[in-house]
Amino acid sequence: MTDIGVADPLEWNSLVGAEQVFLRHEFLSALETSGSVGPGSGWQPQHVLLKNSAGRLCAALPTYSKTNSWGEFVFDFAWADAYRRSGLSYYPKLVSGVPYTPATGPRLLHVPQLARQTAIPLLIETAQQRVTELQASSWHVLFPAESAAKELAAHGLLLRKDCQFHWRNKGYASFDDFLAEFASAKRKKVRRERRRVREAGVTFRVLSGGEIDADLWQKIIPLYASSFWRRGREPYLNQAFFETIGATLGEQLVVILAEFQHEPIAVAICFRSQDTLYGRYWGAADRFHSLHFETCYYQGIDYCISQGLEVFEPGTQGEHKISRGFAPTSTWSAHWLSHPQFAEAVDEYLSRERAYIDEYMDAAGNHVPFRKDSG
């Protein structure tokens, strides 16, 4: 086991950069120290750390040994079932990415002094060796940037393509400015949804992590957890995680809190970088018409416009996002399976799946709400 505590925080963060909130040492450490990853979670830290001759960290992969496929958002349950039916074990497997976080970002980390053409083969070779050492079935790199995904493919990993729906800021001065690009019927629908929430007496506060004390977290966490309980699952994260992040990365934690009669009734927990808002978790204790759309999407768009953020990534799936101004956007993963026959079968499947995703994105793009002349 190699947990993040083994890595010097300054050295790790120098590989990541200030804007990669989910890869910051503070974020990964909070996951581990809170128990959100580790024993019993299905995520066991196995970070790949490469050091130079002076003993300083020069390259790394955020990596975990997995005993299930939950919290990844790149679905391989069918692969696991095929292994099982063949009398083989799919778990454990190795995953390089951020637990519970379907956000694209760097995965193959290295210092500028180490040439990328040197760092990438070293990281790949070390990860594959770790697969052998742990008697794992495979190695999966989740949500790398497209350029990094293609680098991995050039070294023999199998590419998988998927789709999310993202909002992009075209320099809007206000939400009405954004809506002005909608076709009339779509624009009226959004205004009606926002009006229903307002007329119901629901108000909103946008808080940074540093503005939330333990008492308020005790009101927020049950809202967050409610979405998991409705699906019959334990929440991924706990109050200790959020309190730690509020203290260490408070300005990058954005909490959109819906209140009715001065009591919290719904929440969208987000993170931000210099140019992007990441919608992560939503939950509500009460039912109000259009509350989900207002809390998770419209308030986030308002925030991006006011803060000058360029992109809003509200999470995975959800075709209902299209009519609210979120456009289909490619996401990627890369996969290395040690079993040759399974690797060949998965490669053929992924080729067909990529063609389907391309068709799906083209079709989804035809349903965005913007006027034809809006550009």
Protein backbone atom coordinates (compact mmCIF):
# COMPACT_ATOMS: atom_id res chain seq x y z
CA MET A 1 0.00 0.00 0.00
CA THR A 2 1.24 3.47 -0.88
CA ASP A 3 -0.97 6.15 0.60
CA ILE A 4 -0.74 9.84 -0.22
CA GLY A 5 0.86 10.53 3.14
CA VAL A 6 4.06 8.94 1.85
CA ALA A 7 4.41 11.75 -0.71
CA ASP A 8 5.72 15.12 0.38
CA PRO A 9 2.78 17.55 -0.04
CA LEU A 10 4.85 20.28 -1.68
CA GLU A 11 6.52 17.86 -4.07
CA TRP A 12 3.19 16.24 -4.98
CA ASN A 13 1.46 19.56 -5.54
CA SER A 14 4.34 20.77 -7.70
CA LEU A 15 3.45 17.95 -10.12
CA VAL A 16 -0.24 18.87 -10.04
CA GLY A 17 -0.48 22.66 -10.05
CA ALA A 18 -2.78 24.88 -8.02
CA GLU A 19 -5.78 24.54 -10.33
CA GLN A 20 -6.18 20.77 -10.24
CA VAL A 21 -8.29 20.72 -7.08
CA PHE A 22 -9.14 17.01 -7.18
CA LEU A 23 -5.49 15.99 -7.50
CA ARG A 24 -4.19 18.27 -4.78
CA HIS A 25 -2.46 16.52 -1.91
CA GLU A 26 -5.02 18.13 0.42
CA PHE A 27 -7.96 16.56 -1.45
CA LEU A 28 -6.49 13.05 -1.73
CA SER A 29 -5.30 13.20 1.88
CA ALA A 30 -8.78 14.18 3.09
CA LEU A 31 -10.22 11.14 1.30
CA GLU A 32 -7.77 8.86 3.09
CA THR A 33 -7.74 10.42 6.58
CA SER A 34 -11.56 10.60 6.68
CA GLY A 35 -11.87 6.93 5.79
CA SER A 36 -13.71 7.73 2.55
CA VAL A 37 -11.09 5.58 0.83
CA GLY A 38 -9.17 2.78 2.48
CA PRO A 39 -10.35 -0.39 4.24
CA GLY A 40 -13.98 -1.21 3.57
CA SER A 41 -14.41 1.37 0.79
CA GLY A 42 -13.26 -0.70 -2.17
CA TRP A 43 -10.48 1.85 -2.79
CA GLN A 44 -7.02 1.03 -1.42
CA PRO A 45 -4.29 3.61 -2.16
CA GLN A 46 -1.52 2.28 -4.38
CA HIS A 47 -0.08 5.55 -5.66
CA VAL A 48 2.81 5.23 -8.09
CA LEU A 49 5.66 7.50 -6.97
CA LEU A 50 8.89 7.85 -8.96
CA LYS A 51 11.86 9.71 -7.47
CA ASN A 52 15.04 11.10 -8.97
CA SER A 53 18.59 10.42 -7.81
CA ALA A 54 18.26 13.16 -5.18
CA GLY A 55 15.23 11.41 -3.69
CA ARG A 56 12.73 14.02 -4.85
CA LEU A 57 9.40 13.09 -6.41
CA CYS A 58 9.64 13.55 -10.18
CA ALA A 59 6.62 11.59 -11.53
CA ALA A 60 3.47 10.03 -10.13
CA LEU A 61 0.17 8.32 -10.85
CA PRO A 62 -2.78 8.68 -8.42
CA THR A 63 -3.67 5.00 -8.23
CA TYR A 64 -5.89 2.65 -6.21
CA SER A 65 -6.41 -1.06 -5.94
CA LYS A 66 -10.14 -1.74 -6.40
CA THR A 67 -12.22 -4.63 -5.12
CA ASN A 68 -15.39 -3.37 -6.84
CA SER A 69 -16.33 -0.93 -9.60
CA TRP A 70 -18.36 1.57 -7.58
CA GLY A 71 -17.55 5.27 -7.61
CA GLU A 72 -15.67 5.20 -10.91
CA PHE A 73 -18.32 6.33 -13.45
CA VAL A 74 -16.64 4.29 -16.18
CA PHE A 75 -18.78 1.21 -16.12
CA ASP A 76 -17.08 -2.15 -16.48
CA PHE A 77 -19.52 -4.40 -14.60
CA ALA A 78 -20.06 -6.45 -17.77
CA TRP A 79 -16.31 -7.05 -18.04
CA ALA A 80 -16.21 -8.24 -14.44
CA ASP A 81 -19.14 -10.57 -15.11
CA ALA A 82 -17.42 -12.00 -18.18
CA TYR A 83 -14.33 -12.75 -16.10
CA ARG A 84 -16.49 -14.42 -13.45
CA ARG A 85 -18.30 -16.60 -16.00
CA SER A 86 -14.92 -17.68 -17.36
CA GLY A 87 -13.75 -18.74 -13.90
CA LEU A 88 -11.35 -15.80 -13.57
CA SER A 89 -11.11 -12.98 -11.03
CA TYR A 90 -11.53 -9.43 -12.29
CA TYR A 91 -10.84 -7.99 -8.84
CA PRO A 92 -8.55 -6.66 -7.65
CA LYS A 93 -7.84 -4.24 -10.45
CA LEU A 94 -5.80 -1.04 -10.51
CA VAL A 95 -7.43 2.33 -11.20
CA SER A 96 -5.59 5.60 -11.83
CA GLY A 97 -7.89 8.53 -11.21
CA VAL A 98 -9.67 10.33 -8.40
CA PRO A 99 -12.20 8.37 -6.30
CA TYR A 100 -15.85 9.31 -6.83
CA THR A 101 -14.85 12.10 -9.23
CA PRO A 102 -15.76 11.89 -12.93
CA ALA A 103 -13.83 15.03 -13.86
CA THR A 104 -11.26 15.15 -16.65
CA GLY A 105 -7.76 16.13 -15.58
CA PRO A 106 -4.09 15.16 -15.61
CA ARG A 107 -3.26 11.61 -14.61
CA LEU A 108 0.34 11.10 -15.78
CA LEU A 109 2.12 13.58 -13.52
CA HIS A 110 5.74 14.66 -13.82
CA VAL A 111 8.04 17.61 -13.22
CA PRO A 112 8.88 19.80 -16.24
CA GLN A 113 12.54 18.79 -15.99
CA LEU A 114 11.60 15.19 -16.82
CA ALA A 115 10.77 14.92 -20.50
CA ARG A 116 7.30 13.56 -21.16
CA GLN A 117 8.60 10.98 -23.61
CA THR A 118 10.67 9.62 -20.71
CA ALA A 119 8.08 9.98 -17.94
CA ILE A 120 5.14 8.32 -19.70
CA PRO A 121 6.81 4.95 -20.47
CA LEU A 122 8.23 4.84 -16.92
CA LEU A 123 4.82 5.43 -15.34
CA ILE A 124 3.12 2.90 -17.61
CA GLU A 125 5.77 0.24 -16.97
CA THR A 126 5.58 0.80 -13.20
CA ALA A 127 1.76 0.58 -13.19
CA GLN A 128 1.85 -2.65 -15.19
CA GLN A 129 4.44 -4.09 -12.81
CA ARG A 130 2.13 -3.17 -9.92
CA VAL A 131 -0.66 -5.14 -11.63
CA THR A 132 1.59 -8.21 -11.62
CA GLU A 133 2.73 -7.71 -8.02
CA LEU A 134 -0.86 -7.41 -6.76
CA GLN A 135 -2.09 -10.25 -8.99
CA ALA A 136 -4.62 -7.80 -10.41
CA SER A 137 -6.48 -8.32 -13.66
CA SER A 138 -6.02 -4.93 -15.24
CA TRP A 139 -5.15 -1.23 -15.04
CA HIS A 140 -7.60 1.54 -15.87
CA VAL A 141 -6.88 5.26 -16.30
CA LEU A 142 -10.09 7.22 -15.72
CA PHE A 143 -10.92 10.64 -17.18
CA PRO A 144 -7.52 11.65 -18.59
CA ALA A 145 -7.40 14.55 -21.01
CA GLU A 146 -7.85 13.46 -24.62
CA SER A 147 -4.19 14.15 -25.44
CA ALA A 148 -3.05 11.93 -22.55
CA ALA A 149 -5.54 9.23 -23.55
CA LYS A 150 -3.98 9.15 -27.00
CA GLU A 151 -0.51 8.91 -25.47
CA LEU A 152 -1.67 5.89 -23.49
CA ALA A 153 -3.18 4.36 -26.62
CA ALA A 154 0.17 4.79 -28.39
CA HIS A 155 1.65 2.61 -25.63
CA GLY A 156 -0.88 -0.17 -26.11
CA LEU A 157 -3.76 0.77 -23.80
CA LEU A 158 -7.31 0.49 -25.11
CA LEU A 159 -9.28 3.71 -25.50
CA ARG A 160 -12.83 4.13 -24.29
CA LYS A 161 -14.95 7.14 -25.19
CA ASP A 162 -17.99 8.46 -23.35
CA CYS A 163 -20.02 11.64 -23.13
CA GLN A 164 -20.91 14.22 -20.52
CA PHE A 165 -22.85 17.48 -20.86
CA HIS A 166 -20.97 20.70 -20.13
CA TRP A 167 -21.92 24.39 -20.14
CA ARG A 168 -19.59 26.93 -21.69
CA ASN A 169 -19.47 30.63 -20.99
CA LYS A 170 -19.43 32.82 -24.09
CA GLY A 171 -18.75 35.95 -22.08
CA TYR A 172 -22.32 36.28 -20.83
CA ALA A 173 -23.07 39.37 -18.77
CA SER A 174 -26.04 37.77 -17.01
CA PHE A 175 -28.30 34.71 -17.00
CA ASP A 176 -30.75 36.62 -19.21
CA ASP A 177 -27.90 37.23 -21.64
CA PHE A 178 -27.33 33.47 -21.75
CA LEU A 179 -31.06 32.78 -22.23
CA ALA A 180 -31.20 35.28 -25.08
CA GLU A 181 -29.47 32.62 -27.23
CA PHE A 182 -32.29 30.12 -26.61
CA ALA A 183 -35.17 29.47 -28.93
CA SER A 184 -38.27 31.18 -27.57
CA ALA A 185 -40.08 28.08 -26.28
CA LYS A 186 -36.97 26.78 -24.52
CA ARG A 187 -36.30 30.19 -22.99
CA LYS A 188 -39.84 30.38 -21.59
CA LYS A 189 -39.51 26.89 -20.09
CA VAL A 190 -36.35 27.81 -18.17
CA ARG A 191 -37.84 31.07 -16.92
CA ARG A 192 -40.95 29.21 -15.78
CA GLU A 193 -38.86 26.67 -13.85
CA ARG A 194 -36.90 29.41 -12.11
CA ARG A 195 -40.05 31.36 -11.31
CA ARG A 196 -41.73 28.32 -9.72
CA VAL A 197 -38.87 27.88 -7.27
CA ARG A 198 -38.79 31.58 -6.41
CA GLU A 199 -42.57 31.81 -5.95
CA ALA A 200 -42.49 28.76 -3.66
CA GLY A 201 -40.43 30.86 -1.25
CA VAL A 202 -37.13 29.03 -1.74
CA THR A 203 -34.02 31.19 -1.38
CA PHE A 204 -30.35 30.43 -2.04
CA ARG A 205 -27.01 31.08 -0.47
CA VAL A 206 -23.65 30.33 -2.10
CA LEU A 207 -20.98 29.55 0.48
CA SER A 208 -17.29 28.69 0.33
CA GLY A 209 -16.03 25.84 2.45
CA GLY A 210 -14.45 28.22 4.94
CA GLU A 211 -17.82 29.81 5.66
CA ILE A 212 -19.41 26.54 6.82
CA ASP A 213 -19.02 25.50 10.44
CA ALA A 214 -19.59 22.04 11.95
CA ASP A 215 -23.20 22.86 12.88
CA LEU A 216 -24.10 23.80 9.32
CA TRP A 217 -22.29 20.73 7.96
CA GLN A 218 -24.52 18.63 10.24
CA LYS A 219 -27.52 20.04 8.36
CA ILE A 220 -25.92 19.72 4.93
CA ILE A 221 -24.59 16.15 5.17
CA PRO A 222 -28.05 14.50 5.52
CA LEU A 223 -29.15 16.36 2.37
CA TYR A 224 -26.08 15.10 0.51
CA ALA A 225 -26.57 11.57 1.88
CA SER A 226 -30.25 11.40 0.93
CA SER A 227 -29.48 10.86 -2.77
CA PHE A 228 -27.41 7.79 -1.88
CA TRP A 229 -29.92 6.32 0.56
CA ARG A 230 -32.67 6.57 -2.06
CA ARG A 231 -30.55 4.33 -4.29
CA GLY A 232 -29.84 1.94 -1.44
CA ARG A 233 -26.16 2.87 -1.14
CA GLU A 234 -23.90 4.25 1.56
CA PRO A 235 -22.75 7.83 0.90
CA TYR A 236 -19.27 7.95 -0.60
CA LEU A 237 -18.04 10.79 1.61
CA ASN A 238 -18.53 11.72 5.25
CA GLN A 239 -18.65 14.88 7.33
CA ALA A 240 -15.00 14.53 8.32
CA PHE A 241 -14.01 14.73 4.66
CA PHE A 242 -16.02 17.89 4.01
CA GLU A 243 -14.87 19.60 7.19
CA THR A 244 -11.25 18.84 6.31
CA ILE A 245 -11.63 20.14 2.77
CA GLY A 246 -13.43 23.22 4.08
CA ALA A 247 -10.37 23.96 6.19
CA THR A 248 -7.67 23.10 3.64
CA LEU A 249 -9.24 23.99 0.27
CA GLY A 250 -12.08 26.20 1.43
CA GLU A 251 -12.05 28.68 -1.45
CA GLN A 252 -12.29 25.83 -3.96
CA LEU A 253 -15.29 24.24 -2.26
CA VAL A 254 -18.56 25.88 -3.37
CA VAL A 255 -21.80 24.95 -1.64
CA ILE A 256 -25.11 26.09 -3.15
CA LEU A 257 -27.63 25.91 -0.34
CA ALA A 258 -31.39 26.10 -0.90
CA GLU A 259 -33.44 27.25 2.09
CA PHE A 260 -37.13 27.41 2.92
CA GLN A 261 -38.24 29.43 5.89
CA HIS A 262 -34.57 29.82 6.86
CA GLU A 263 -33.93 26.06 6.97
CA PRO A 264 -31.74 24.14 4.48
CA ILE A 265 -33.83 21.94 2.17
CA ALA A 266 -31.44 21.15 -0.69
CA VAL A 267 -27.77 21.41 -1.54
CA ALA A 268 -25.42 21.20 -4.51
CA ILE A 269 -21.82 20.61 -3.44
CA CYS A 270 -19.37 21.84 -6.07
CA PHE A 271 -15.67 22.52 -6.49
CA ARG A 272 -14.03 25.18 -8.59
CA SER A 273 -10.76 25.94 -10.30
CA GLN A 274 -9.72 29.22 -11.87
CA ASP A 275 -11.83 28.56 -14.95
CA THR A 276 -14.22 25.66 -14.17
CA LEU A 277 -17.04 24.83 -11.78
CA TYR A 278 -17.49 21.11 -11.03
CA GLY A 279 -20.91 20.04 -9.80
CA ARG A 280 -20.38 16.98 -7.63
CA TYR A 281 -23.21 16.13 -5.23
CA TRP A 282 -26.88 17.00 -4.83
CA GLY A 283 -29.51 16.13 -2.28
CA ALA A 284 -32.85 17.43 -1.01
CA ALA A 285 -35.11 16.86 1.98
CA ASP A 286 -38.23 18.37 0.43
CA ARG A 287 -39.96 18.32 -2.95
CA PHE A 288 -40.47 21.58 -4.79
CA HIS A 289 -41.20 21.84 -8.49
CA SER A 290 -37.96 22.39 -10.48
CA LEU A 291 -35.82 22.57 -7.32
CA HIS A 292 -33.26 20.16 -8.78
CA PHE A 293 -32.82 22.19 -11.95
CA GLU A 294 -32.47 25.45 -10.04
CA THR A 295 -30.07 24.14 -7.41
CA CYS A 296 -27.86 22.00 -9.62
CA TYR A 297 -27.84 23.90 -12.91
CA TYR A 298 -29.22 27.44 -12.93
CA GLN A 299 -27.56 28.54 -9.71
CA GLY A 300 -24.29 27.07 -10.99
CA ILE A 301 -24.61 28.95 -14.28
CA ASP A 302 -25.33 32.15 -12.35
CA TYR A 303 -22.20 31.52 -10.30
CA CYS A 304 -20.02 30.90 -13.38
CA ILE A 305 -21.24 34.09 -15.03
CA SER A 306 -20.67 36.21 -11.92
CA GLN A 307 -17.22 34.70 -11.33
CA GLY A 308 -16.14 34.70 -14.97
CA LEU A 309 -15.67 30.92 -15.08
CA GLU A 310 -15.46 29.40 -18.55
CA VAL A 311 -16.90 25.91 -18.02
CA PHE A 312 -19.49 24.23 -15.79
CA GLU A 313 -19.21 20.44 -15.53
CA PRO A 314 -22.28 19.28 -13.60
CA GLY A 315 -21.37 15.59 -13.45
CA THR A 316 -22.19 12.46 -15.41
CA GLN A 317 -25.15 11.44 -17.54
CA GLY A 318 -28.46 13.31 -17.68
CA GLU A 319 -29.95 14.11 -21.07
CA HIS A 320 -32.25 16.60 -19.32
CA LYS A 321 -29.20 18.87 -19.18
CA ILE A 322 -29.28 19.39 -22.95
CA SER A 323 -32.44 21.52 -22.99
CA ARG A 324 -30.90 23.69 -20.26
CA GLY A 325 -27.86 24.67 -22.27
CA PHE A 326 -25.35 21.90 -21.61
CA ALA A 327 -23.72 20.47 -24.74
CA PRO A 328 -22.35 16.94 -25.32
CA THR A 329 -18.63 16.72 -24.53
CA SER A 330 -16.24 13.80 -25.00
CA THR A 331 -14.65 12.06 -22.03
CA TRP A 332 -12.04 9.32 -22.14
CA SER A 333 -10.56 6.39 -20.28
CA ALA A 334 -7.72 3.97 -21.11
CA HIS A 335 -7.49 0.29 -20.20
CA TRP A 336 -4.83 -2.40 -20.02
CA LEU A 337 -5.96 -5.99 -19.43
CA SER A 338 -3.26 -8.55 -18.71
CA HIS A 339 -5.29 -11.45 -20.17
CA PRO A 340 -4.63 -11.40 -23.95
CA GLN A 341 -7.94 -12.96 -25.04
CA PHE A 342 -10.00 -10.65 -22.87
CA ALA A 343 -7.96 -7.66 -24.05
CA GLU A 344 -8.74 -8.59 -27.66
CA ALA A 345 -12.47 -8.99 -26.93
CA VAL A 346 -12.65 -5.68 -25.05
CA ASP A 347 -10.76 -3.92 -27.85
CA GLU A 348 -13.37 -5.08 -30.38
CA TYR A 349 -16.19 -3.99 -28.08
CA LEU A 350 -14.67 -0.55 -27.49
CA SER A 351 -14.32 0.04 -31.22
CA ARG A 352 -18.06 -0.51 -31.68
CA GLU A 353 -18.86 1.52 -28.57
CA ARG A 354 -16.84 4.54 -29.77
CA ALA A 355 -18.82 4.57 -33.03
CA TYR A 356 -22.07 4.48 -31.04
CA ILE A 357 -20.90 7.35 -28.77
CA ASP A 358 -20.03 9.45 -31.83
CA GLU A 359 -23.52 8.89 -33.25
CA TYR A 360 -25.12 9.61 -29.89
CA MET A 361 -23.21 12.89 -29.48
CA ASP A 362 -24.18 14.00 -32.97
CA ALA A 363 -27.84 13.26 -32.22
CA ALA A 364 -27.70 14.95 -28.81
CA GLY A 365 -26.09 18.01 -30.34
CA ASN A 366 -29.15 18.46 -32.54
CA HIS A 367 -31.31 19.03 -29.44
CA VAL A 368 -29.46 21.90 -27.79
CA PRO A 369 -31.87 24.80 -27.07
CA PHE A 370 -29.95 27.52 -28.87
CA ARG A 371 -31.34 29.45 -31.81
CA LYS A 372 -29.78 28.56 -35.14
CA ASP A 373 -28.45 32.09 -35.49
CA SER A 374 -26.93 32.26 -32.00
CA GLY A 375 -23.56 30.94 -33.12
